[in-house]
N, C-alpha and C. Protein backbone atom coordinates (compact mmCIF):
# COMPACT_ATOMS: atom_id res chain seq x y z
N MET A 1 0.65 -0.99 0.06
CA MET A 1 -0.10 0.00 0.02
C MET A 1 1.05 1.06 -0.17
N LEU A 2 0.07 2.20 -1.00
CA LEU A 2 1.40 3.44 -0.42
C LEU A 2 0.31 4.32 -0.64
N SER A 3 0.92 5.24 0.66
CA SER A 3 0.06 6.61 1.15
C SER A 3 0.67 7.96 1.31
N GLY A 4 -0.28 8.90 1.14
CA GLY A 4 0.49 9.95 0.95
C GLY A 4 -0.12 10.99 1.38
N THR A 5 -0.07 12.62 1.67
CA THR A 5 -1.01 13.52 1.57
C THR A 5 -0.58 14.83 -0.04
N PHE A 6 -1.79 15.24 0.10
CA PHE A 6 -1.77 16.36 -0.82
C PHE A 6 -2.39 17.99 -0.29
N SER A 7 -1.58 18.82 -0.54
CA SER A 7 -2.94 19.94 0.01
C SER A 7 -3.22 20.47 -0.80
N LEU A 8 -4.32 21.49 -0.83
CA LEU A 8 -5.25 22.23 -1.47
C LEU A 8 -5.40 23.30 -0.78
N THR A 9 -5.65 24.39 -1.62
CA THR A 9 -6.54 25.56 -0.95
C THR A 9 -7.72 26.18 -1.36
N THR A 10 -8.34 26.39 -0.01
CA THR A 10 -10.16 26.94 -1.06
C THR A 10 -9.80 28.23 -0.81
N ALA A 11 -11.06 28.81 -1.90
CA ALA A 11 -11.27 30.42 -2.09
C ALA A 11 -12.16 30.98 -1.22
N SER A 12 -13.60 29.72 -0.78
CA SER A 12 -14.72 30.84 -0.42
C SER A 12 -14.86 29.61 1.18
N HIS A 13 -16.06 30.68 1.64
CA HIS A 13 -16.39 29.85 3.22
C HIS A 13 -17.08 28.54 2.58
N MET A 14 -17.89 28.59 1.77
CA MET A 14 -18.33 27.43 1.08
C MET A 14 -18.10 27.34 -0.24
N GLU A 15 -17.05 25.92 -1.02
CA GLU A 15 -17.24 25.24 -1.86
C GLU A 15 -17.20 23.72 -1.70
N LEU A 16 -17.14 23.33 -3.20
CA LEU A 16 -16.64 22.01 -3.75
C LEU A 16 -15.83 22.29 -4.51
N VAL A 17 -14.87 21.56 -3.81
CA VAL A 17 -13.54 21.50 -5.10
C VAL A 17 -13.15 20.30 -5.93
N ASP A 18 -13.34 19.81 -6.87
CA ASP A 18 -12.85 18.67 -7.98
C ASP A 18 -11.69 18.39 -7.41
N ILE A 19 -11.15 17.42 -6.92
CA ILE A 19 -10.32 16.74 -6.79
C ILE A 19 -9.69 15.34 -7.74
N THR A 20 -11.21 15.03 -8.69
CA THR A 20 -10.61 14.10 -9.33
C THR A 20 -9.46 13.98 -9.99
N ASP A 21 -9.04 14.90 -11.01
CA ASP A 21 -7.42 14.63 -11.85
C ASP A 21 -6.52 14.50 -10.69
N ARG A 22 -6.66 15.21 -9.61
CA ARG A 22 -5.71 15.24 -8.78
C ARG A 22 -4.83 13.73 -8.13
N VAL A 23 -6.18 13.43 -8.21
CA VAL A 23 -6.24 12.02 -7.16
C VAL A 23 -6.17 10.88 -8.75
N GLN A 24 -6.24 11.15 -10.36
CA GLN A 24 -6.20 10.42 -10.94
C GLN A 24 -4.45 10.15 -11.40
N GLU A 25 -4.16 11.30 -11.10
CA GLU A 25 -2.57 11.66 -11.72
C GLU A 25 -1.90 10.63 -10.73
N LEU A 26 -2.36 10.43 -8.91
CA LEU A 26 -1.71 10.13 -8.05
C LEU A 26 -1.41 8.68 -8.57
N ILE A 27 -2.63 7.98 -9.36
CA ILE A 27 -2.94 6.85 -9.38
C ILE A 27 -2.03 6.37 -10.58
N ARG A 28 -1.85 7.48 -11.80
CA ARG A 28 -0.66 7.37 -12.49
C ARG A 28 0.51 7.03 -12.25
N GLU A 29 1.18 8.20 -11.37
CA GLU A 29 2.05 8.41 -10.96
C GLU A 29 2.81 6.71 -10.13
N HIS A 30 2.17 6.54 -9.43
CA HIS A 30 2.04 5.01 -8.98
C HIS A 30 2.02 4.08 -9.73
N GLU A 31 1.34 4.37 -10.96
CA GLU A 31 1.65 2.79 -11.63
C GLU A 31 0.63 2.05 -11.25
N PHE A 32 -0.59 2.36 -10.41
CA PHE A 32 -1.55 1.73 -9.99
C PHE A 32 -2.50 1.03 -11.37
N THR A 33 -2.48 -0.34 -11.60
CA THR A 33 -3.45 -0.58 -12.63
C THR A 33 -5.32 -1.28 -12.02
N THR A 34 -4.80 -1.75 -10.86
CA THR A 34 -5.96 -2.69 -10.12
C THR A 34 -5.83 -2.37 -8.80
N GLY A 35 -6.82 -2.08 -8.04
CA GLY A 35 -7.03 -1.78 -7.01
C GLY A 35 -7.74 -0.81 -6.60
N PHE A 36 -7.74 -0.27 -4.70
CA PHE A 36 -8.63 0.52 -4.29
C PHE A 36 -7.94 2.16 -4.35
N CYS A 37 -8.58 2.46 -4.45
CA CYS A 37 -7.99 4.06 -3.70
C CYS A 37 -9.06 4.58 -2.83
N TYR A 38 -8.79 5.09 -1.21
CA TYR A 38 -8.78 5.54 0.03
C TYR A 38 -8.41 6.97 -0.28
N ILE A 39 -9.66 7.99 0.09
CA ILE A 39 -9.01 8.99 0.35
C ILE A 39 -10.36 9.43 1.68
N PHE A 40 -9.20 10.34 2.71
CA PHE A 40 -9.55 10.31 4.05
C PHE A 40 -9.20 12.28 3.95
N ASN A 41 -10.46 12.85 4.08
CA ASN A 41 -9.93 14.07 5.17
C ASN A 41 -10.30 14.68 6.16
N PRO A 42 -9.30 14.62 6.74
CA PRO A 42 -8.87 14.87 8.42
C PRO A 42 -9.33 16.01 9.07
N HIS A 43 -10.14 16.67 8.45
CA HIS A 43 -11.03 17.86 8.68
C HIS A 43 -12.25 17.87 9.63
N THR A 44 -12.69 18.89 10.63
CA THR A 44 -14.08 18.57 11.17
C THR A 44 -14.90 19.43 10.39
N THR A 45 -14.50 20.47 9.87
CA THR A 45 -15.59 21.28 9.20
C THR A 45 -14.97 21.21 7.60
N ALA A 46 -15.02 19.91 7.08
CA ALA A 46 -14.91 19.88 5.47
C ALA A 46 -15.35 18.13 5.59
N GLY A 47 -15.92 18.08 4.11
CA GLY A 47 -16.04 16.62 3.95
C GLY A 47 -15.69 16.07 2.59
N ILE A 48 -15.85 15.41 2.29
CA ILE A 48 -15.65 14.73 0.49
C ILE A 48 -16.46 13.81 0.35
N THR A 49 -17.18 13.73 -1.36
CA THR A 49 -18.11 13.26 -1.76
C THR A 49 -17.86 13.04 -3.11
N ILE A 50 -18.62 12.00 -3.60
CA ILE A 50 -18.84 11.84 -5.42
C ILE A 50 -20.30 12.49 -5.93
N ASN A 51 -20.20 13.53 -6.94
CA ASN A 51 -21.48 13.60 -7.12
C ASN A 51 -21.01 14.20 -8.61
N GLU A 52 -21.75 15.00 -9.69
CA GLU A 52 -21.73 15.22 -10.74
C GLU A 52 -20.44 16.08 -10.95
N GLY A 53 -20.26 16.10 -12.20
CA GLY A 53 -18.78 17.07 -12.43
C GLY A 53 -19.04 17.80 -13.32
N ALA A 54 -19.91 17.17 -14.72
CA ALA A 54 -19.91 18.38 -15.23
C ALA A 54 -20.97 19.54 -15.61
N ASP A 55 -21.51 19.48 -14.69
CA ASP A 55 -22.68 21.22 -14.87
C ASP A 55 -22.27 21.61 -13.40
N PRO A 56 -21.10 22.73 -13.26
CA PRO A 56 -20.65 23.64 -11.92
C PRO A 56 -21.61 23.95 -11.35
N ASP A 57 -23.20 23.94 -11.82
CA ASP A 57 -24.95 24.33 -10.92
C ASP A 57 -24.82 23.19 -9.96
N VAL A 58 -24.42 21.98 -10.26
CA VAL A 58 -24.61 21.24 -9.08
C VAL A 58 -23.90 21.35 -7.69
N ARG A 59 -22.69 21.80 -7.94
CA ARG A 59 -21.97 21.99 -6.91
C ARG A 59 -22.69 23.29 -5.91
N LEU A 60 -22.93 24.28 -6.42
CA LEU A 60 -23.49 25.31 -5.76
C LEU A 60 -25.04 24.48 -5.31
N ASP A 61 -26.04 23.89 -6.08
CA ASP A 61 -27.12 23.61 -5.50
C ASP A 61 -27.12 22.32 -4.55
N ILE A 62 -25.95 21.77 -4.40
CA ILE A 62 -25.58 21.46 -3.02
C ILE A 62 -25.61 21.86 -1.80
N ILE A 63 -24.50 22.96 -1.83
CA ILE A 63 -24.16 24.17 -0.78
C ILE A 63 -25.47 24.68 -0.52
N ASP A 64 -26.54 25.25 -1.11
CA ASP A 64 -27.64 26.03 -1.25
C ASP A 64 -28.62 24.99 -0.20
N ALA A 65 -28.47 23.74 -0.74
CA ALA A 65 -29.48 22.62 -0.57
C ALA A 65 -29.10 22.36 1.39
N LEU A 66 -27.56 22.23 1.36
CA LEU A 66 -27.01 22.25 3.03
C LEU A 66 -27.27 23.37 3.76
N GLN A 67 -27.30 24.17 2.94
CA GLN A 67 -27.63 25.92 4.03
C GLN A 67 -28.76 25.93 4.49
N GLN A 68 -29.86 25.25 3.61
CA GLN A 68 -31.76 25.21 4.07
C GLN A 68 -31.48 23.67 5.29
N ILE A 69 -30.98 22.89 5.02
CA ILE A 69 -30.90 22.01 5.76
C ILE A 69 -30.49 22.09 7.55
N VAL A 70 -29.21 23.01 7.07
CA VAL A 70 -28.31 23.66 8.39
C VAL A 70 -28.53 25.00 8.47
N PRO A 71 -29.33 25.24 9.54
CA PRO A 71 -29.25 26.52 9.84
C PRO A 71 -28.02 27.37 9.93
N MET A 72 -27.83 28.54 9.64
CA MET A 72 -26.44 28.97 10.14
C MET A 72 -26.52 29.68 11.66
N ASN A 73 -27.61 30.48 11.59
CA ASN A 73 -27.88 31.12 12.72
C ASN A 73 -29.18 29.89 13.68
N PHE A 74 -28.52 29.55 14.35
CA PHE A 74 -29.23 28.71 15.13
C PHE A 74 -28.23 28.54 16.93
N ASN A 75 -29.23 28.33 17.64
CA ASN A 75 -28.32 27.96 19.00
C ASN A 75 -27.58 27.14 19.17
N TYR A 76 -26.46 27.31 18.42
CA TYR A 76 -25.15 26.16 18.72
C TYR A 76 -24.81 26.36 20.10
N ARG A 77 -24.16 25.32 20.69
CA ARG A 77 -23.55 25.93 22.14
C ARG A 77 -21.54 25.82 21.95
N HIS A 78 -21.49 25.58 20.39
CA HIS A 78 -20.15 25.49 19.92
C HIS A 78 -19.83 26.81 19.61
N ARG A 79 -19.07 27.47 20.77
CA ARG A 79 -18.72 29.29 20.37
C ARG A 79 -17.85 29.67 19.64
N GLU A 80 -17.47 28.66 18.84
CA GLU A 80 -16.37 29.22 18.07
C GLU A 80 -17.17 30.21 16.44
N GLY A 81 -18.36 29.76 16.40
CA GLY A 81 -19.24 30.46 15.59
C GLY A 81 -19.35 29.30 14.00
N ASN A 82 -18.37 28.10 13.97
CA ASN A 82 -18.87 27.45 12.84
C ASN A 82 -19.74 25.84 13.32
N SER A 83 -20.34 25.74 13.78
CA SER A 83 -21.03 24.16 14.24
C SER A 83 -21.76 24.25 13.23
N ALA A 84 -22.40 25.06 12.42
CA ALA A 84 -23.10 24.80 11.13
C ALA A 84 -22.26 24.09 9.98
N SER A 85 -20.93 24.07 9.89
CA SER A 85 -19.36 23.68 9.56
C SER A 85 -19.32 22.40 9.48
N HIS A 86 -19.76 22.28 10.98
CA HIS A 86 -19.16 20.75 11.65
C HIS A 86 -20.08 19.54 10.91
N VAL A 87 -21.50 20.21 10.98
CA VAL A 87 -22.99 19.22 11.21
C VAL A 87 -22.84 19.40 9.38
N MET A 88 -22.73 20.09 8.64
CA MET A 88 -22.23 19.97 7.40
C MET A 88 -21.32 18.82 6.70
N ALA A 89 -20.26 18.95 7.55
CA ALA A 89 -18.94 17.80 7.78
C ALA A 89 -19.93 16.85 7.85
N SER A 90 -19.70 16.25 8.85
CA SER A 90 -20.94 15.05 8.76
C SER A 90 -21.92 14.29 8.15
N LEU A 91 -22.50 15.40 7.64
CA LEU A 91 -23.49 15.17 6.83
C LEU A 91 -22.99 14.20 5.50
N MET A 92 -21.67 14.98 4.97
CA MET A 92 -20.93 14.56 3.84
C MET A 92 -20.56 13.45 4.12
N GLY A 93 -19.67 13.03 4.99
CA GLY A 93 -18.72 12.26 5.72
C GLY A 93 -17.35 12.50 5.43
N ALA A 94 -16.23 11.87 6.13
CA ALA A 94 -14.92 11.97 5.96
C ALA A 94 -14.16 11.15 4.91
N SER A 95 -14.86 10.14 4.53
CA SER A 95 -13.97 9.05 3.46
C SER A 95 -14.63 8.58 1.94
N LEU A 96 -13.81 8.44 1.28
CA LEU A 96 -14.23 7.35 0.10
C LEU A 96 -13.31 6.39 0.07
N THR A 97 -13.98 5.31 -0.66
CA THR A 97 -13.48 4.11 -1.35
C THR A 97 -13.48 3.94 -2.82
N ILE A 98 -12.84 4.62 -4.00
CA ILE A 98 -13.05 3.75 -5.11
C ILE A 98 -12.30 2.96 -5.56
N ALA A 99 -12.86 2.32 -6.28
CA ALA A 99 -12.17 0.90 -7.33
C ALA A 99 -11.27 1.82 -8.54
N ILE A 100 -10.26 1.09 -8.46
CA ILE A 100 -9.28 1.36 -9.67
C ILE A 100 -9.22 0.31 -10.53
N GLU A 101 -9.44 0.68 -11.85
CA GLU A 101 -9.70 -0.69 -12.64
C GLU A 101 -8.79 -0.02 -14.61
N ASN A 102 -7.81 -0.97 -14.66
CA ASN A 102 -7.62 -0.46 -16.13
C ASN A 102 -6.45 1.11 -15.61
N GLY A 103 -6.05 0.81 -14.61
CA GLY A 103 -5.23 2.60 -14.22
C GLY A 103 -5.98 4.00 -13.51
N ARG A 104 -6.84 4.06 -13.79
CA ARG A 104 -8.20 4.54 -13.95
C ARG A 104 -9.34 4.32 -12.45
N LEU A 105 -9.75 5.87 -11.77
CA LEU A 105 -10.94 5.63 -11.11
C LEU A 105 -12.24 4.89 -11.91
N LYS A 106 -12.87 4.28 -11.31
CA LYS A 106 -14.12 3.38 -11.26
C LYS A 106 -15.28 4.28 -10.97
N LEU A 107 -15.26 5.06 -11.54
CA LEU A 107 -16.69 6.40 -11.67
C LEU A 107 -17.91 6.23 -12.63
N GLY A 108 -18.47 6.75 -12.29
CA GLY A 108 -19.78 6.85 -13.51
C GLY A 108 -19.61 7.83 -14.48
N THR A 109 -20.23 7.83 -15.23
CA THR A 109 -19.88 8.69 -16.32
C THR A 109 -19.68 9.87 -16.04
N TRP A 110 -20.99 10.54 -15.29
CA TRP A 110 -20.74 12.20 -14.44
C TRP A 110 -20.15 11.98 -13.23
N GLN A 111 -19.79 11.06 -12.65
CA GLN A 111 -18.81 11.35 -11.30
C GLN A 111 -17.45 11.72 -11.12
N HIS A 112 -17.71 13.05 -10.35
CA HIS A 112 -16.16 13.16 -10.07
C HIS A 112 -16.15 13.16 -8.35
N LEU A 113 -14.71 13.31 -7.83
CA LEU A 113 -14.81 13.26 -6.22
C LEU A 113 -14.38 15.18 -6.24
N PHE A 114 -15.31 15.42 -4.72
CA PHE A 114 -15.41 16.60 -4.37
C PHE A 114 -14.69 17.09 -3.45
N PHE A 115 -13.99 17.85 -2.60
CA PHE A 115 -13.45 17.88 -1.30
C PHE A 115 -14.58 19.12 -1.07
N CYS A 116 -15.05 18.99 0.09
CA CYS A 116 -16.48 20.06 0.57
C CYS A 116 -16.19 21.39 1.36
N GLU A 117 -15.32 22.13 1.11
CA GLU A 117 -15.01 23.20 2.35
C GLU A 117 -16.35 23.59 2.75
N PHE A 118 -16.19 24.04 3.88
CA PHE A 118 -17.89 24.34 4.42
C PHE A 118 -16.75 25.62 6.13
N ASP A 119 -15.79 25.83 6.05
CA ASP A 119 -15.28 27.17 7.28
C ASP A 119 -14.21 27.60 6.67
N GLY A 120 -13.85 27.83 5.21
CA GLY A 120 -12.61 28.75 4.68
C GLY A 120 -12.99 30.08 4.61
N PRO A 121 -12.18 30.51 3.68
CA PRO A 121 -11.17 29.71 2.99
C PRO A 121 -10.36 29.36 3.49
N ARG A 122 -9.47 28.12 3.31
CA ARG A 122 -8.18 27.38 3.96
C ARG A 122 -7.66 26.68 3.24
N THR A 123 -6.29 26.33 4.12
CA THR A 123 -5.48 25.17 3.20
C THR A 123 -5.90 24.11 3.77
N ARG A 124 -6.37 22.88 3.16
CA ARG A 124 -6.72 21.56 3.59
C ARG A 124 -5.31 20.72 3.15
N LYS A 125 -5.38 19.86 3.81
CA LYS A 125 -4.77 18.31 3.65
C LYS A 125 -5.90 17.52 3.46
N VAL A 126 -5.22 16.53 2.44
CA VAL A 126 -6.31 15.08 1.76
C VAL A 126 -5.15 14.06 1.65
N GLN A 127 -5.45 13.10 2.55
CA GLN A 127 -4.83 11.96 2.84
C GLN A 127 -5.39 11.07 1.47
N TYR A 128 -4.06 9.99 1.03
CA TYR A 128 -4.76 8.97 0.20
C TYR A 128 -3.67 7.62 0.50
N HIS A 129 -4.72 6.75 0.41
CA HIS A 129 -4.17 5.11 0.50
C HIS A 129 -4.20 4.45 -1.11
N LEU A 130 -3.38 4.05 -1.40
CA LEU A 130 -3.55 3.38 -2.87
C LEU A 130 -3.36 1.80 -2.45
N SER A 131 -4.03 1.03 -2.58
CA SER A 131 -3.64 -0.53 -2.18
C SER A 131 -4.13 -1.08 -3.56
N LYS A 132 -3.54 -2.21 -3.99
CA LYS A 132 -3.25 -2.77 -5.11
C LYS A 132 -3.84 -4.32 -4.89
N THR A 133 -5.08 -4.49 -5.99
CA THR A 133 -5.41 -5.75 -5.66
C THR A 133 -4.61 -6.82 -6.21
N ILE A 134 -4.54 -8.29 -4.98
CA ILE A 134 -3.81 -9.54 -5.49
C ILE A 134 -4.44 -10.33 -6.22
N GLN A 135 -3.69 -10.63 -7.14
CA GLN A 135 -4.37 -11.22 -8.26
C GLN A 135 -4.57 -12.90 -7.77
N PRO A 136 -4.94 -14.47 -7.65
CA PRO A 136 -5.07 -15.44 -7.70
C PRO A 136 -3.84 -16.14 -8.78
């Protein structure tokens, strides 16, 4: 198994950053052909997800919907002022596992990987683990 970390810088308080090409490049660099890619986000006010990458409006719709589901102005006990970001991060999740086949992420036609920033702008880290499938 190969492991590493890459950094990204977000530009807005809330945004979905497409990391698909970056992860695919790591797979190419390590010459993986078959196996699994595990992506982990070690931040409590950010998430990670798979969703449509063709239309950028989908990203905005996701953020708008999350803001409707999770009120920014609520009687949160956490006094740092970013409790809504913590809740959104929990809803999105902190990790993904994607199959690798023929040296490519095995994603659907429109699927991309997104880092979900809910408390930016910030410099963030994303951890990855590439595991080869053992063939009999």
